[in-house]
Amino acid sequence: MAYINGAIDTWSATAVPESEKGDAEWFFMEGKHHGNARIKNMTDEEKERFTKAMERWLSMEID
């Protein structure tokens, strides 16, 4: 599961807390809210981490 939240979104106050118990990724995107916290608006570092997680979950390489 990928949890994508905007760091300036009040809804992030009730976000699923990070945990080591499952294979999930959490993103709290700086300067974003629920209207623009999207994969297309991630930093290059966030996109790379998201892509690596997808590759791991899908057992395939993503270009």
PDB file of N, CA and C in Angstrom:
ATOM      1  N   MET A   1       0.853  -1.162   0.000  1.00  0.00           N
ATOM      2  CA  MET A   1       0.000   0.000   0.000  1.00  0.00           C
ATOM      3  C   MET A   1       0.901   1.227   0.000  1.00  0.00           C
ATOM      4  N   ALA A   2       0.537   2.196  -0.783  1.00  0.00           N
ATOM      5  CA  ALA A   2       1.232   3.479  -0.786  1.00  0.00           C
ATOM      6  C   ALA A   2       0.283   4.532  -0.208  1.00  0.00           C
ATOM      7  N   TYR A   3       0.719   5.183   0.826  1.00  0.00           N
ATOM      8  CA  TYR A   3      -0.067   6.241   1.461  1.00  0.00           C
ATOM      9  C   TYR A   3       0.535   7.574   1.020  1.00  0.00           C
ATOM     10  N   ILE A   4      -0.236   8.356   0.290  1.00  0.00           N
ATOM     11  CA  ILE A   4       0.252   9.632  -0.227  1.00  0.00           C
ATOM     12  C   ILE A   4      -0.556  10.749   0.412  1.00  0.00           C
ATOM     13  N   ASN A   5       0.139  11.590   1.163  1.00  0.00           N
ATOM     14  CA  ASN A   5      -0.510  12.676   1.896  1.00  0.00           C
ATOM     15  C   ASN A   5       0.188  13.989   1.611  1.00  0.00           C
ATOM     16  N   GLY A   6      -0.564  15.069   1.665  1.00  0.00           N
ATOM     17  CA  GLY A   6       0.020  16.398   1.584  1.00  0.00           C
ATOM     18  C   GLY A   6       0.418  16.866   2.976  1.00  0.00           C
ATOM     19  N   ALA A   7       1.614  17.387   3.093  1.00  0.00           N
ATOM     20  CA  ALA A   7       2.114  17.804   4.402  1.00  0.00           C
ATOM     21  C   ALA A   7       1.344  18.993   4.978  1.00  0.00           C
ATOM     22  N   ILE A   8       0.695  19.787   4.112  1.00  0.00           N
ATOM     23  CA  ILE A   8      -0.055  20.944   4.621  1.00  0.00           C
ATOM     24  C   ILE A   8      -1.562  20.687   4.634  1.00  0.00           C
ATOM     25  N   ASP A   9      -1.935  19.441   4.522  1.00  0.00           N
ATOM     26  CA  ASP A   9      -3.341  19.067   4.504  1.00  0.00           C
ATOM     27  C   ASP A   9      -3.804  18.735   5.925  1.00  0.00           C
ATOM     28  N   THR A  10      -4.856  19.387   6.371  1.00  0.00           N
ATOM     29  CA  THR A  10      -5.352  19.077   7.717  1.00  0.00           C
ATOM     30  C   THR A  10      -5.809  17.625   7.821  1.00  0.00           C
ATOM     31  N   TRP A  11      -6.203  17.016   6.709  1.00  0.00           N
ATOM     32  CA  TRP A  11      -6.621  15.614   6.732  1.00  0.00           C
ATOM     33  C   TRP A  11      -5.452  14.691   7.060  1.00  0.00           C
ATOM     34  N   SER A  12      -4.226  15.146   6.847  1.00  0.00           N
ATOM     35  CA  SER A  12      -3.051  14.328   7.165  1.00  0.00           C
ATOM     36  C   SER A  12      -2.916  14.093   8.666  1.00  0.00           C
ATOM     37  N   ALA A  13      -3.606  14.887   9.455  1.00  0.00           N
ATOM     38  CA  ALA A  13      -3.571  14.692  10.906  1.00  0.00           C
ATOM     39  C   ALA A  13      -4.151  13.328  11.289  1.00  0.00           C
ATOM     40  N   THR A  14      -5.015  12.788  10.453  1.00  0.00           N
ATOM     41  CA  THR A  14      -5.610  11.478  10.733  1.00  0.00           C
ATOM     42  C   THR A  14      -5.062  10.401   9.792  1.00  0.00           C
ATOM     43  N   ALA A  15      -3.892  10.661   9.203  1.00  0.00           N
ATOM     44  CA  ALA A  15      -3.292   9.707   8.271  1.00  0.00           C
ATOM     45  C   ALA A  15      -2.939   8.402   8.984  1.00  0.00           C
ATOM     46  N   VAL A  16      -2.901   7.330   8.220  1.00  0.00           N
ATOM     47  CA  VAL A  16      -2.474   6.042   8.757  1.00  0.00           C
ATOM     48  C   VAL A  16      -1.032   6.204   9.233  1.00  0.00           C
ATOM     49  N   PRO A  17      -0.744   5.870  10.487  1.00  0.00           N
ATOM     50  CA  PRO A  17       0.619   6.044  10.992  1.00  0.00           C
ATOM     51  C   PRO A  17       1.596   5.059  10.347  1.00  0.00           C
ATOM     52  N   GLU A  18       2.826   5.507  10.178  1.00  0.00           N
ATOM     53  CA  GLU A  18       3.855   4.637   9.618  1.00  0.00           C
ATOM     54  C   GLU A  18       4.105   3.457  10.548  1.00  0.00           C
ATOM     55  N   SER A  19       4.426   2.325   9.941  1.00  0.00           N
ATOM     56  CA  SER A  19       4.656   1.102  10.700  1.00  0.00           C
ATOM     57  C   SER A  19       5.632   0.210   9.945  1.00  0.00           C
ATOM     58  N   GLU A  20       6.408  -0.550  10.671  1.00  0.00           N
ATOM     59  CA  GLU A  20       7.330  -1.518  10.080  1.00  0.00           C
ATOM     60  C   GLU A  20       6.662  -2.882   9.922  1.00  0.00           C
ATOM     61  N   LYS A  21       5.416  -3.015  10.328  1.00  0.00           N
ATOM     62  CA  LYS A  21       4.728  -4.312  10.332  1.00  0.00           C
ATOM     63  C   LYS A  21       4.340  -4.804   8.951  1.00  0.00           C
ATOM     64  N   GLY A  22       4.208  -3.933   7.987  1.00  0.00           N
ATOM     65  CA  GLY A  22       3.797  -4.337   6.648  1.00  0.00           C
ATOM     66  C   GLY A  22       4.722  -3.742   5.609  1.00  0.00           C
ATOM     67  N   ASP A  23       4.562  -4.159   4.387  1.00  0.00           N
ATOM     68  CA  ASP A  23       5.369  -3.632   3.297  1.00  0.00           C
ATOM     69  C   ASP A  23       4.589  -2.498   2.638  1.00  0.00           C
ATOM     70  N   ALA A  24       4.715  -1.314   3.194  1.00  0.00           N
ATOM     71  CA  ALA A  24       3.995  -0.144   2.705  1.00  0.00           C
ATOM     72  C   ALA A  24       4.964   1.030   2.624  1.00  0.00           C
ATOM     73  N   GLU A  25       4.557   2.050   1.893  1.00  0.00           N
ATOM     74  CA  GLU A  25       5.341   3.277   1.771  1.00  0.00           C
ATOM     75  C   GLU A  25       4.462   4.462   2.143  1.00  0.00           C
ATOM     76  N   TRP A  26       5.033   5.408   2.866  1.00  0.00           N
ATOM     77  CA  TRP A  26       4.326   6.615   3.273  1.00  0.00           C
ATOM     78  C   TRP A  26       5.004   7.820   2.652  1.00  0.00           C
ATOM     79  N   PHE A  27       4.206   8.690   2.092  1.00  0.00           N
ATOM     80  CA  PHE A  27       4.694   9.921   1.484  1.00  0.00           C
ATOM     81  C   PHE A  27       3.921  11.085   2.092  1.00  0.00           C
ATOM     82  N   PHE A  28       4.643  12.030   2.680  1.00  0.00           N
ATOM     83  CA  PHE A  28       4.051  13.277   3.160  1.00  0.00           C
ATOM     84  C   PHE A  28       4.697  14.378   2.336  1.00  0.00           C
ATOM     85  N   MET A  29       4.014  14.781   1.283  1.00  0.00           N
ATOM     86  CA  MET A  29       4.571  15.681   0.288  1.00  0.00           C
ATOM     87  C   MET A  29       4.552  17.131   0.783  1.00  0.00           C
ATOM     88  N   GLU A  30       5.754  17.712   0.874  1.00  0.00           N
ATOM     89  CA  GLU A  30       5.915  19.084   1.347  1.00  0.00           C
ATOM     90  C   GLU A  30       5.177  20.067   0.438  1.00  0.00           C
ATOM     91  N   GLY A  31       4.468  21.002   1.054  1.00  0.00           N
ATOM     92  CA  GLY A  31       3.776  22.055   0.324  1.00  0.00           C
ATOM     93  C   GLY A  31       2.535  21.597  -0.430  1.00  0.00           C
ATOM     94  N   LYS A  32       2.103  20.358  -0.211  1.00  0.00           N
ATOM     95  CA  LYS A  32       0.946  19.825  -0.935  1.00  0.00           C
ATOM     96  C   LYS A  32      -0.221  19.580   0.015  1.00  0.00           C
ATOM     97  N   HIS A  33      -1.433  19.552  -0.571  1.00  0.00           N
ATOM     98  CA  HIS A  33      -2.651  19.239   0.174  1.00  0.00           C
ATOM     99  C   HIS A  33      -3.383  18.130  -0.573  1.00  0.00           C
ATOM    100  N   HIS A  34      -4.580  17.756  -0.118  1.00  0.00           N
ATOM    101  CA  HIS A  34      -5.267  16.609  -0.724  1.00  0.00           C
ATOM    102  C   HIS A  34      -5.647  16.844  -2.181  1.00  0.00           C
ATOM    103  N   GLY A  35      -5.640  18.064  -2.617  1.00  0.00           N
ATOM    104  CA  GLY A  35      -5.972  18.353  -4.006  1.00  0.00           C
ATOM    105  C   GLY A  35      -4.807  18.225  -4.967  1.00  0.00           C
ATOM    106  N   ASN A  36      -3.563  18.271  -4.445  1.00  0.00           N
ATOM    107  CA  ASN A  36      -2.415  18.186  -5.354  1.00  0.00           C
ATOM    108  C   ASN A  36      -1.322  17.224  -4.880  1.00  0.00           C
ATOM    109  N   ALA A  37      -1.584  16.455  -3.846  1.00  0.00           N
ATOM    110  CA  ALA A  37      -0.635  15.421  -3.407  1.00  0.00           C
ATOM    111  C   ALA A  37      -0.832  14.209  -4.315  1.00  0.00           C
ATOM    112  N   ARG A  38      -0.162  14.246  -5.457  1.00  0.00           N
ATOM    113  CA  ARG A  38      -0.320  13.235  -6.496  1.00  0.00           C
ATOM    114  C   ARG A  38       1.049  12.727  -6.938  1.00  0.00           C
ATOM    115  N   ILE A  39       1.075  11.534  -7.499  1.00  0.00           N
ATOM    116  CA  ILE A  39       2.326  10.970  -7.993  1.00  0.00           C
ATOM    117  C   ILE A  39       2.981  11.924  -8.979  1.00  0.00           C
ATOM    118  N   LYS A  40       2.207  12.515  -9.872  1.00  0.00           N
ATOM    119  CA  LYS A  40       2.771  13.416 -10.885  1.00  0.00           C
ATOM    120  C   LYS A  40       3.435  14.643 -10.259  1.00  0.00           C
ATOM    121  N   ASN A  41       3.097  14.986  -9.023  1.00  0.00           N
ATOM    122  CA  ASN A  41       3.676  16.146  -8.344  1.00  0.00           C
ATOM    123  C   ASN A  41       4.770  15.770  -7.348  1.00  0.00           C
ATOM    124  N   MET A  42       5.171  14.508  -7.304  1.00  0.00           N
ATOM    125  CA  MET A  42       6.231  14.080  -6.395  1.00  0.00           C
ATOM    126  C   MET A  42       7.580  14.631  -6.854  1.00  0.00           C
ATOM    127  N   THR A  43       8.483  14.772  -5.897  1.00  0.00           N
ATOM    128  CA  THR A  43       9.862  15.123  -6.246  1.00  0.00           C
ATOM    129  C   THR A  43      10.487  13.920  -6.943  1.00  0.00           C
ATOM    130  N   ASP A  44      11.622  14.128  -7.583  1.00  0.00           N
ATOM    131  CA  ASP A  44      12.313  13.017  -8.244  1.00  0.00           C
ATOM    132  C   ASP A  44      12.650  11.910  -7.246  1.00  0.00           C
ATOM    133  N   GLU A  45      13.058  12.294  -6.039  1.00  0.00           N
ATOM    134  CA  GLU A  45      13.389  11.318  -4.998  1.00  0.00           C
ATOM    135  C   GLU A  45      12.150  10.510  -4.597  1.00  0.00           C
ATOM    136  N   GLU A  46      11.023  11.188  -4.421  1.00  0.00           N
ATOM    137  CA  GLU A  46       9.781  10.496  -4.067  1.00  0.00           C
ATOM    138  C   GLU A  46       9.337   9.555  -5.187  1.00  0.00           C
ATOM    139  N   LYS A  47       9.437  10.024  -6.437  1.00  0.00           N
ATOM    140  CA  LYS A  47       9.058   9.182  -7.576  1.00  0.00           C
ATOM    141  C   LYS A  47       9.941   7.933  -7.650  1.00  0.00           C
ATOM    142  N   GLU A  48      11.224   8.101  -7.379  1.00  0.00           N
ATOM    143  CA  GLU A  48      12.138   6.959  -7.405  1.00  0.00           C
ATOM    144  C   GLU A  48      11.771   5.947  -6.312  1.00  0.00           C
ATOM    145  N   ARG A  49      11.480   6.432  -5.117  1.00  0.00           N
ATOM    146  CA  ARG A  49      11.094   5.542  -4.015  1.00  0.00           C
ATOM    147  C   ARG A  49       9.760   4.851  -4.324  1.00  0.00           C
ATOM    148  N   PHE A  50       8.814   5.584  -4.909  1.00  0.00           N
ATOM    149  CA  PHE A  50       7.521   5.014  -5.290  1.00  0.00           C
ATOM    150  C   PHE A  50       7.714   3.937  -6.358  1.00  0.00           C
ATOM    151  N   THR A  51       8.525   4.231  -7.363  1.00  0.00           N
ATOM    152  CA  THR A  51       8.770   3.276  -8.444  1.00  0.00           C
ATOM    153  C   THR A  51       9.439   2.012  -7.924  1.00  0.00           C
ATOM    154  N   LYS A  52      10.429   2.162  -7.039  1.00  0.00           N
ATOM    155  CA  LYS A  52      11.091   0.988  -6.461  1.00  0.00           C
ATOM    156  C   LYS A  52      10.104   0.127  -5.675  1.00  0.00           C
ATOM    157  N   ALA A  53       9.188   0.760  -4.958  1.00  0.00           N
ATOM    158  CA  ALA A  53       8.172   0.012  -4.216  1.00  0.00           C
ATOM    159  C   ALA A  53       7.259  -0.737  -5.183  1.00  0.00           C
ATOM    160  N   MET A  54       6.833  -0.075  -6.253  1.00  0.00           N
ATOM    161  CA  MET A  54       5.971  -0.729  -7.241  1.00  0.00           C
ATOM    162  C   MET A  54       6.676  -1.913  -7.884  1.00  0.00           C
ATOM    163  N   GLU A  55       7.949  -1.747  -8.205  1.00  0.00           N
ATOM    164  CA  GLU A  55       8.715  -2.846  -8.798  1.00  0.00           C
ATOM    165  C   GLU A  55       8.797  -4.031  -7.834  1.00  0.00           C
ATOM    166  N   ARG A  56       8.997  -3.725  -6.571  1.00  0.00           N
ATOM    167  CA  ARG A  56       9.066  -4.775  -5.547  1.00  0.00           C
ATOM    168  C   ARG A  56       7.720  -5.496  -5.426  1.00  0.00           C
ATOM    169  N   TRP A  57       6.656  -4.739  -5.374  1.00  0.00           N
ATOM    170  CA  TRP A  57       5.317  -5.331  -5.194  1.00  0.00           C
ATOM    171  C   TRP A  57       4.865  -6.120  -6.418  1.00  0.00           C
ATOM    172  N   LEU A  58       5.221  -5.632  -7.614  1.00  0.00           N
ATOM    173  CA  LEU A  58       4.773  -6.262  -8.849  1.00  0.00           C
ATOM    174  C   LEU A  58       5.753  -7.299  -9.398  1.00  0.00           C
ATOM    175  N   SER A  59       6.939  -7.364  -8.778  1.00  0.00           N
ATOM    176  CA  SER A  59       8.009  -8.268  -9.241  1.00  0.00           C
ATOM    177  C   SER A  59       8.332  -8.059 -10.713  1.00  0.00           C
ATOM    178  N   MET A  60       8.448  -6.787 -11.083  1.00  0.00           N
ATOM    179  CA  MET A  60       8.814  -6.452 -12.455  1.00  0.00           C
ATOM    180  C   MET A  60       9.486  -5.091 -12.490  1.00  0.00           C
ATOM    181  N   GLU A  61      10.256  -4.861 -13.544  1.00  0.00           N
ATOM    182  CA  GLU A  61      10.937  -3.586 -13.717  1.00  0.00           C
ATOM    183  C   GLU A  61      10.006  -2.592 -14.404  1.00  0.00           C
ATOM    184  N   ILE A  62      10.036  -1.353 -13.939  1.00  0.00           N
ATOM    185  CA  ILE A  62       9.220  -0.289 -14.520  1.00  0.00           C
ATOM    186  C   ILE A  62      10.169   0.727 -15.158  1.00  0.00           C
ATOM    187  N   ASP A  63       9.912   1.073 -16.404  1.00  0.00           N
ATOM    188  CA  ASP A  63      10.766   2.057 -17.118  1.00  0.00           C
ATOM    189  C   ASP A  63      10.423   3.460 -16.713  1.00  0.00           C
TER     190      ASP A  63
END
